[in-house]
PDB file of N, CA and C in Angstrom:
ATOM      1  N   MET A   1      13.159  24.063   9.340  1.00  0.00           N
ATOM      2  CA  MET A   1      13.460  23.786  11.050  1.00  0.00           C
ATOM      3  C   MET A   1      13.169  22.322  10.892  1.00  0.00           C
ATOM      4  N   VAL A   2      11.842  21.804  11.200  1.00  0.00           N
ATOM      5  CA  VAL A   2      11.502  20.421  11.839  1.00  0.00           C
ATOM      6  C   VAL A   2      12.035  19.311  10.734  1.00  0.00           C
ATOM      7  N   GLY A   3      11.850  19.344   9.534  1.00  0.00           N
ATOM      8  CA  GLY A   3      12.266  18.666   8.236  1.00  0.00           C
ATOM      9  C   GLY A   3      14.126  18.611   8.751  1.00  0.00           C
ATOM     10  N   ARG A   4      14.973  19.306   9.250  1.00  0.00           N
ATOM     11  CA  ARG A   4      16.015  19.011   9.139  1.00  0.00           C
ATOM     12  C   ARG A   4      16.433  18.578  10.946  1.00  0.00           C
ATOM     13  N   GLY A   5      15.605  18.236  11.269  1.00  0.00           N
ATOM     14  CA  GLY A   5      15.665  17.766  12.861  1.00  0.00           C
ATOM     15  C   GLY A   5      16.267  19.005  13.744  1.00  0.00           C
ATOM     16  N   TYR A   6      16.135  20.007  13.668  1.00  0.00           N
ATOM     17  CA  TYR A   6      16.658  21.295  14.591  1.00  0.00           C
ATOM     18  C   TYR A   6      15.765  21.157  15.840  1.00  0.00           C
ATOM     19  N   VAL A   7      14.216  20.865  15.725  1.00  0.00           N
ATOM     20  CA  VAL A   7      13.330  21.151  16.942  1.00  0.00           C
ATOM     21  C   VAL A   7      12.659  19.805  17.499  1.00  0.00           C
ATOM     22  N   ASP A   8      12.464  19.920  18.353  1.00  0.00           N
ATOM     23  CA  ASP A   8      11.322  18.901  18.822  1.00  0.00           C
ATOM     24  C   ASP A   8      10.126  18.768  18.530  1.00  0.00           C
ATOM     25  N   THR A   9       9.337  18.403  17.775  1.00  0.00           N
ATOM     26  CA  THR A   9       8.104  18.014  17.316  1.00  0.00           C
ATOM     27  C   THR A   9       7.063  18.247  18.453  1.00  0.00           C
ATOM     28  N   GLN A  10       7.644  17.529  19.362  1.00  0.00           N
ATOM     29  CA  GLN A  10       6.865  17.015  20.353  1.00  0.00           C
ATOM     30  C   GLN A  10       6.559  18.359  21.520  1.00  0.00           C
ATOM     31  N   ARG A  11       7.267  18.969  21.492  1.00  0.00           N
ATOM     32  CA  ARG A  11       7.394  20.093  22.261  1.00  0.00           C
ATOM     33  C   ARG A  11       7.627  21.656  21.974  1.00  0.00           C
ATOM     34  N   LEU A  12       6.556  21.965  20.597  1.00  0.00           N
ATOM     35  CA  LEU A  12       6.956  23.353  19.795  1.00  0.00           C
ATOM     36  C   LEU A  12       5.798  24.131  20.942  1.00  0.00           C
ATOM     37  N   PHE A  13       6.313  25.417  21.125  1.00  0.00           N
ATOM     38  CA  PHE A  13       5.749  26.619  21.301  1.00  0.00           C
ATOM     39  C   PHE A  13       5.579  27.596  20.654  1.00  0.00           C
ATOM     40  N   VAL A  14       4.158  28.580  20.506  1.00  0.00           N
ATOM     41  CA  VAL A  14       4.318  29.609  19.667  1.00  0.00           C
ATOM     42  C   VAL A  14       3.800  30.491  20.588  1.00  0.00           C
ATOM     43  N   THR A  15       4.225  31.642  20.225  1.00  0.00           N
ATOM     44  CA  THR A  15       3.708  32.872  21.283  1.00  0.00           C
ATOM     45  C   THR A  15       3.633  34.362  19.848  1.00  0.00           C
ATOM     46  N   GLY A  16       3.297  35.444  20.192  1.00  0.00           N
ATOM     47  CA  GLY A  16       3.272  36.428  19.571  1.00  0.00           C
ATOM     48  C   GLY A  16       2.283  37.516  20.247  1.00  0.00           C
ATOM     49  N   GLY A  17       2.967  38.762  20.180  1.00  0.00           N
ATOM     50  CA  GLY A  17       2.291  40.057  20.586  1.00  0.00           C
ATOM     51  C   GLY A  17       1.741  41.064  19.589  1.00  0.00           C
ATOM     52  N   SER A  18       0.363  41.403  20.037  1.00  0.00           N
ATOM     53  CA  SER A  18      -0.073  42.605  19.110  1.00  0.00           C
ATOM     54  C   SER A  18      -0.246  41.893  17.610  1.00  0.00           C
ATOM     55  N   GLY A  19       0.199  42.069  16.703  1.00  0.00           N
ATOM     56  CA  GLY A  19       0.035  41.533  15.210  1.00  0.00           C
ATOM     57  C   GLY A  19       0.192  39.880  15.224  1.00  0.00           C
ATOM     58  N   GLY A  20       1.682  39.924  16.150  1.00  0.00           N
ATOM     59  CA  GLY A  20       1.870  38.239  16.280  1.00  0.00           C
ATOM     60  C   GLY A  20       1.094  37.687  17.123  1.00  0.00           C
ATOM     61  N   GLY A  21       0.230  38.552  18.110  1.00  0.00           N
ATOM     62  CA  GLY A  21      -1.005  37.909  18.986  1.00  0.00           C
ATOM     63  C   GLY A  21      -2.152  37.578  17.911  1.00  0.00           C
ATOM     64  N   VAL A  22      -2.486  38.511  16.920  1.00  0.00           N
ATOM     65  CA  VAL A  22      -3.187  38.148  16.208  1.00  0.00           C
ATOM     66  C   VAL A  22      -2.971  36.908  15.266  1.00  0.00           C
ATOM     67  N   LEU A  23      -1.754  36.850  14.812  1.00  0.00           N
ATOM     68  CA  LEU A  23      -1.476  35.382  14.132  1.00  0.00           C
ATOM     69  C   LEU A  23      -1.159  34.000  15.013  1.00  0.00           C
ATOM     70  N   THR A  24      -1.212  34.298  16.064  1.00  0.00           N
ATOM     71  CA  THR A  24      -0.715  33.046  16.949  1.00  0.00           C
ATOM     72  C   THR A  24      -2.227  32.837  17.426  1.00  0.00           C
ATOM     73  N   ALA A  25      -3.719  33.813  17.859  1.00  0.00           N
ATOM     74  CA  ALA A  25      -4.755  33.075  17.959  1.00  0.00           C
ATOM     75  C   ALA A  25      -4.907  32.275  16.827  1.00  0.00           C
ATOM     76  N   TRP A  26      -4.885  32.814  15.515  1.00  0.00           N
ATOM     77  CA  TRP A  26      -5.176  32.057  14.413  1.00  0.00           C
ATOM     78  C   TRP A  26      -4.726  30.727  14.098  1.00  0.00           C
ATOM     79  N   ILE A  27      -3.368  30.368  14.527  1.00  0.00           N
ATOM     80  CA  ILE A  27      -2.639  29.406  14.494  1.00  0.00           C
ATOM     81  C   ILE A  27      -3.026  28.409  15.511  1.00  0.00           C
ATOM     82  N   VAL A  28      -3.891  28.807  16.621  1.00  0.00           N
ATOM     83  CA  VAL A  28      -3.459  27.716  17.334  1.00  0.00           C
ATOM     84  C   VAL A  28      -5.310  26.992  17.171  1.00  0.00           C
ATOM     85  N   GLY A  29      -5.960  28.007  16.540  1.00  0.00           N
ATOM     86  CA  GLY A  29      -7.428  27.587  15.929  1.00  0.00           C
ATOM     87  C   GLY A  29      -7.769  26.596  14.601  1.00  0.00           C
ATOM     88  N   HIS A  30      -6.166  26.454  14.010  1.00  0.00           N
ATOM     89  CA  HIS A  30      -6.216  25.936  12.679  1.00  0.00           C
ATOM     90  C   HIS A  30      -5.310  24.507  12.472  1.00  0.00           C
ATOM     91  N   THR A  31      -4.491  24.366  13.973  1.00  0.00           N
ATOM     92  CA  THR A  31      -3.807  23.363  13.979  1.00  0.00           C
ATOM     93  C   THR A  31      -2.972  22.835  15.708  1.00  0.00           C
ATOM     94  N   ASP A  32      -2.989  21.732  15.478  1.00  0.00           N
ATOM     95  CA  ASP A  32      -2.892  21.093  17.057  1.00  0.00           C
ATOM     96  C   ASP A  32      -0.980  20.716  16.685  1.00  0.00           C
ATOM     97  N   ARG A  33      -0.240  21.742  16.120  1.00  0.00           N
ATOM     98  CA  ARG A  33       1.008  21.281  16.133  1.00  0.00           C
ATOM     99  C   ARG A  33       1.751  21.507  17.303  1.00  0.00           C
ATOM    100  N   PHE A  34       0.853  22.644  18.187  1.00  0.00           N
ATOM    101  CA  PHE A  34       1.978  23.711  19.044  1.00  0.00           C
ATOM    102  C   PHE A  34       1.718  22.633  20.579  1.00  0.00           C
ATOM    103  N   ARG A  35       2.210  22.761  21.281  1.00  0.00           N
ATOM    104  CA  ARG A  35       2.057  22.125  22.689  1.00  0.00           C
ATOM    105  C   ARG A  35       1.476  22.852  23.679  1.00  0.00           C
ATOM    106  N   ALA A  36       2.185  24.180  23.322  1.00  0.00           N
ATOM    107  CA  ALA A  36       1.547  25.199  24.537  1.00  0.00           C
ATOM    108  C   ALA A  36       1.499  26.676  23.198  1.00  0.00           C
ATOM    109  N   ALA A  37       1.045  27.705  23.472  1.00  0.00           N
ATOM    110  CA  ALA A  37       1.091  28.939  22.921  1.00  0.00           C
ATOM    111  C   ALA A  37       0.816  30.002  23.960  1.00  0.00           C
ATOM    112  N   VAL A  38       1.017  31.459  23.999  1.00  0.00           N
ATOM    113  CA  VAL A  38       0.706  32.462  24.844  1.00  0.00           C
ATOM    114  C   VAL A  38       0.574  33.362  23.482  1.00  0.00           C
ATOM    115  N   VAL A  39      -0.698  34.223  23.591  1.00  0.00           N
ATOM    116  CA  VAL A  39      -1.024  35.266  22.750  1.00  0.00           C
ATOM    117  C   VAL A  39      -0.994  36.413  23.511  1.00  0.00           C
ATOM    118  N   VAL A  40      -0.617  37.726  23.474  1.00  0.00           N
ATOM    119  CA  VAL A  40      -0.179  38.555  23.872  1.00  0.00           C
ATOM    120  C   VAL A  40      -0.847  39.836  23.240  1.00  0.00           C
ATOM    121  N   LYS A  41      -2.086  40.541  23.841  1.00  0.00           N
ATOM    122  CA  LYS A  41      -2.233  42.078  23.366  1.00  0.00           C
ATOM    123  C   LYS A  41      -2.917  41.392  21.665  1.00  0.00           C
ATOM    124  N   PRO A  42      -3.746  40.704  21.400  1.00  0.00           N
ATOM    125  CA  PRO A  42      -4.244  40.033  20.285  1.00  0.00           C
ATOM    126  C   PRO A  42      -5.442  41.095  20.027  1.00  0.00           C
ATOM    127  N   VAL A  43      -5.901  41.191  18.706  1.00  0.00           N
ATOM    128  CA  VAL A  43      -7.149  42.198  18.303  1.00  0.00           C
ATOM    129  C   VAL A  43      -7.950  40.491  18.289  1.00  0.00           C
ATOM    130  N   ILE A  44      -9.037  40.758  19.181  1.00  0.00           N
ATOM    131  CA  ILE A  44      -9.733  39.347  18.808  1.00  0.00           C
ATOM    132  C   ILE A  44     -11.519  39.520  18.342  1.00  0.00           C
ATOM    133  N   ASN A  45     -11.954  40.861  18.747  1.00  0.00           N
ATOM    134  CA  ASN A  45     -12.782  41.590  18.040  1.00  0.00           C
ATOM    135  C   ASN A  45     -12.756  42.487  17.327  1.00  0.00           C
ATOM    136  N   TRP A  46     -12.486  42.598  16.130  1.00  0.00           N
ATOM    137  CA  TRP A  46     -12.359  43.463  15.400  1.00  0.00           C
ATOM    138  C   TRP A  46     -13.175  44.710  15.052  1.00  0.00           C
ATOM    139  N   THR A  47     -14.441  44.682  15.428  1.00  0.00           N
ATOM    140  CA  THR A  47     -15.443  45.561  15.666  1.00  0.00           C
ATOM    141  C   THR A  47     -15.227  46.519  16.323  1.00  0.00           C
ATOM    142  N   SER A  48     -14.636  45.902  17.767  1.00  0.00           N
ATOM    143  CA  SER A  48     -14.320  46.709  18.965  1.00  0.00           C
ATOM    144  C   SER A  48     -13.496  47.347  19.024  1.00  0.00           C
ATOM    145  N   PHE A  49     -12.290  46.640  17.999  1.00  0.00           N
ATOM    146  CA  PHE A  49     -11.242  47.750  17.898  1.00  0.00           C
ATOM    147  C   PHE A  49     -11.472  48.583  17.048  1.00  0.00           C
ATOM    148  N   VAL A  50     -12.281  48.575  15.647  1.00  0.00           N
ATOM    149  CA  VAL A  50     -12.100  49.376  15.065  1.00  0.00           C
ATOM    150  C   VAL A  50     -12.594  50.850  15.637  1.00  0.00           C
ATOM    151  N   LEU A  51     -13.624  50.614  16.800  1.00  0.00           N
ATOM    152  CA  LEU A  51     -14.822  51.246  16.990  1.00  0.00           C
ATOM    153  C   LEU A  51     -14.095  52.071  18.419  1.00  0.00           C
ATOM    154  N   THR A  52     -13.104  51.421  19.351  1.00  0.00           N
ATOM    155  CA  THR A  52     -12.526  52.225  20.293  1.00  0.00           C
ATOM    156  C   THR A  52     -10.998  52.248  19.770  1.00  0.00           C
ATOM    157  N   GLY A  53     -10.509  52.182  18.995  1.00  0.00           N
ATOM    158  CA  GLY A  53      -8.989  52.238  18.513  1.00  0.00           C
ATOM    159  C   GLY A  53      -8.923  53.937  18.651  1.00  0.00           C
ATOM    160  N   ASP A  54      -7.444  54.137  18.467  1.00  0.00           N
ATOM    161  CA  ASP A  54      -7.368  55.859  18.603  1.00  0.00           C
ATOM    162  C   ASP A  54      -7.251  56.256  16.939  1.00  0.00           C
ATOM    163  N   MET A  55      -7.382  55.286  15.971  1.00  0.00           N
ATOM    164  CA  MET A  55      -7.134  55.593  14.627  1.00  0.00           C
ATOM    165  C   MET A  55      -8.692  55.349  13.980  1.00  0.00           C
ATOM    166  N   THR A  56      -9.690  55.313  14.495  1.00  0.00           N
ATOM    167  CA  THR A  56     -10.844  54.653  14.019  1.00  0.00           C
ATOM    168  C   THR A  56     -11.290  54.943  12.579  1.00  0.00           C
ATOM    169  N   ASN A  57     -10.476  56.432  12.439  1.00  0.00           N
ATOM    170  CA  ASN A  57     -11.549  57.036  10.952  1.00  0.00           C
ATOM    171  C   ASN A  57     -10.512  56.100   9.811  1.00  0.00           C
ATOM    172  N   TYR A  58      -9.128  56.048  10.402  1.00  0.00           N
ATOM    173  CA  TYR A  58      -8.240  55.262   9.277  1.00  0.00           C
ATOM    174  C   TYR A  58      -8.667  53.875   8.976  1.00  0.00           C
ATOM    175  N   PHE A  59      -8.531  53.060  10.190  1.00  0.00           N
ATOM    176  CA  PHE A  59      -9.277  51.733  10.453  1.00  0.00           C
ATOM    177  C   PHE A  59     -10.075  51.527   9.737  1.00  0.00           C
ATOM    178  N   TYR A  60     -11.693  51.986   9.813  1.00  0.00           N
ATOM    179  CA  TYR A  60     -12.408  51.408   9.039  1.00  0.00           C
ATOM    180  C   TYR A  60     -12.183  51.839   7.875  1.00  0.00           C
ATOM    181  N   ARG A  61     -11.919  53.027   7.450  1.00  0.00           N
ATOM    182  CA  ARG A  61     -11.881  53.504   5.672  1.00  0.00           C
ATOM    183  C   ARG A  61     -11.025  52.563   4.730  1.00  0.00           C
ATOM    184  N   TYR A  62      -9.528  52.555   5.550  1.00  0.00           N
ATOM    185  CA  TYR A  62      -8.736  51.746   5.164  1.00  0.00           C
ATOM    186  C   TYR A  62      -8.429  50.054   5.248  1.00  0.00           C
ATOM    187  N   TRP A  63      -8.853  49.968   6.258  1.00  0.00           N
ATOM    188  CA  TRP A  63      -8.465  48.270   6.437  1.00  0.00           C
ATOM    189  C   TRP A  63      -9.754  47.638   5.995  1.00  0.00           C
ATOM    190  N   PHE A  64     -11.205  48.040   6.050  1.00  0.00           N
ATOM    191  CA  PHE A  64     -12.411  47.649   6.072  1.00  0.00           C
ATOM    192  C   PHE A  64     -13.127  48.034   5.001  1.00  0.00           C
ATOM    193  N   GLY A  65     -12.920  49.495   4.529  1.00  0.00           N
ATOM    194  CA  GLY A  65     -13.685  49.824   3.468  1.00  0.00           C
ATOM    195  C   GLY A  65     -15.450  50.536   3.641  1.00  0.00           C
ATOM    196  N   GLU A  66     -15.740  50.380   4.670  1.00  0.00           N
ATOM    197  CA  GLU A  66     -16.873  50.255   5.143  1.00  0.00           C
ATOM    198  C   GLU A  66     -17.066  50.590   6.788  1.00  0.00           C
ATOM    199  N   PHE A  67     -17.936  51.392   7.503  1.00  0.00           N
ATOM    200  CA  PHE A  67     -17.714  51.230   9.036  1.00  0.00           C
ATOM    201  C   PHE A  67     -18.552  49.817   9.561  1.00  0.00           C
ATOM    202  N   PRO A  68     -18.067  49.205  10.857  1.00  0.00           N
ATOM    203  CA  PRO A  68     -18.198  48.026  11.619  1.00  0.00           C
ATOM    204  C   PRO A  68     -19.659  48.279  11.619  1.00  0.00           C
ATOM    205  N   GLY A  69     -20.471  47.487  11.470  1.00  0.00           N
ATOM    206  CA  GLY A  69     -21.821  46.832  11.506  1.00  0.00           C
ATOM    207  C   GLY A  69     -22.988  47.383  10.258  1.00  0.00           C
ATOM    208  N   THR A  70     -21.881  47.509   9.278  1.00  0.00           N
ATOM    209  CA  THR A  70     -22.728  47.954   7.883  1.00  0.00           C
ATOM    210  C   THR A  70     -22.397  46.829   7.050  1.00  0.00           C
ATOM    211  N   HIS A  71     -21.436  45.858   7.010  1.00  0.00           N
ATOM    212  CA  HIS A  71     -21.071  45.019   6.687  1.00  0.00           C
ATOM    213  C   HIS A  71     -20.273  43.576   7.501  1.00  0.00           C
ATOM    214  N   ALA A  72     -19.857  42.558   6.913  1.00  0.00           N
ATOM    215  CA  ALA A  72     -19.316  41.259   7.978  1.00  0.00           C
ATOM    216  C   ALA A  72     -17.955  41.345   7.838  1.00  0.00           C
ATOM    217  N   GLY A  73     -17.260  42.442   7.197  1.00  0.00           N
ATOM    218  CA  GLY A  73     -15.870  42.080   7.042  1.00  0.00           C
ATOM    219  C   GLY A  73     -15.297  42.043   8.694  1.00  0.00           C
ATOM    220  N   PRO A  74     -15.409  42.957   9.380  1.00  0.00           N
ATOM    221  CA  PRO A  74     -14.512  42.749  10.806  1.00  0.00           C
ATOM    222  C   PRO A  74     -14.909  41.321  11.113  1.00  0.00           C
ATOM    223  N   MET A  75     -15.985  40.814  11.197  1.00  0.00           N
ATOM    224  CA  MET A  75     -16.391  39.385  12.076  1.00  0.00           C
ATOM    225  C   MET A  75     -15.544  38.449  11.039  1.00  0.00           C
ATOM    226  N   LYS A  76     -15.141  38.430   9.985  1.00  0.00           N
ATOM    227  CA  LYS A  76     -14.766  37.358   8.787  1.00  0.00           C
ATOM    228  C   LYS A  76     -13.058  37.281   9.639  1.00  0.00           C
ATOM    229  N   ARG A  77     -12.683  38.538  10.066  1.00  0.00           N
ATOM    230  CA  ARG A  77     -11.107  38.510  10.393  1.00  0.00           C
ATOM    231  C   ARG A  77     -11.166  38.366  12.039  1.00  0.00           C
ATOM    232  N   SER A  78     -12.169  37.936  12.653  1.00  0.00           N
ATOM    233  CA  SER A  78     -12.326  38.010  13.948  1.00  0.00           C
ATOM    234  C   SER A  78     -12.197  36.829  14.217  1.00  0.00           C
ATOM    235  N   ARG A  79     -10.771  36.369  15.142  1.00  0.00           N
ATOM    236  CA  ARG A  79     -10.963  35.105  16.049  1.00  0.00           C
ATOM    237  C   ARG A  79     -12.317  34.410  16.372  1.00  0.00           C
ATOM    238  N   LEU A  80     -13.162  35.096  17.136  1.00  0.00           N
ATOM    239  CA  LEU A  80     -14.458  34.957  17.500  1.00  0.00           C
ATOM    240  C   LEU A  80     -15.252  33.958  16.485  1.00  0.00           C
ATOM    241  N   ALA A  81     -15.191  34.417  15.539  1.00  0.00           N
ATOM    242  CA  ALA A  81     -15.958  33.568  14.582  1.00  0.00           C
ATOM    243  C   ALA A  81     -15.170  32.094  14.125  1.00  0.00           C
ATOM    244  N   TYR A  82     -14.364  31.571  14.809  1.00  0.00           N
ATOM    245  CA  TYR A  82     -13.757  30.244  14.910  1.00  0.00           C
ATOM    246  C   TYR A  82     -13.788  29.733  15.794  1.00  0.00           C
ATOM    247  N   VAL A  83     -14.609  30.162  16.849  1.00  0.00           N
ATOM    248  CA  VAL A  83     -15.047  29.420  18.367  1.00  0.00           C
ATOM    249  C   VAL A  83     -16.389  28.174  17.950  1.00  0.00           C
ATOM    250  N   ARG A  84     -15.789  27.222  18.487  1.00  0.00           N
ATOM    251  CA  ARG A  84     -16.925  26.359  18.413  1.00  0.00           C
ATOM    252  C   ARG A  84     -17.363  26.083  19.919  1.00  0.00           C
ATOM    253  N   ALA A  85     -18.430  25.980  20.119  1.00  0.00           N
ATOM    254  CA  ALA A  85     -19.316  25.182  21.435  1.00  0.00           C
ATOM    255  C   ALA A  85     -18.902  23.654  21.330  1.00  0.00           C
ATOM    256  N   THR A  86     -18.414  23.377  22.629  1.00  0.00           N
ATOM    257  CA  THR A  86     -18.121  21.672  22.445  1.00  0.00           C
ATOM    258  C   THR A  86     -19.312  20.970  23.499  1.00  0.00           C
TER     259      THR A  86
END
């Protein structure tokens, strides 16, 4: 869409909720293309999500293969891993 000239590249906005919130949180940490962003209901800390979610057994078994705290899988997926002190 940018290549076709349909959007103003100086006023791009991104938003997402739930899974889209995860992706929005990821993208604003990896590009400066967007002027504004709204992250709604994302999973930021995968360890706490797995341990407090309504399907803990499913999440850790099928999404991570092991229980959180026994390997680094959840932190690798966490947006917290991309936070930098300035």
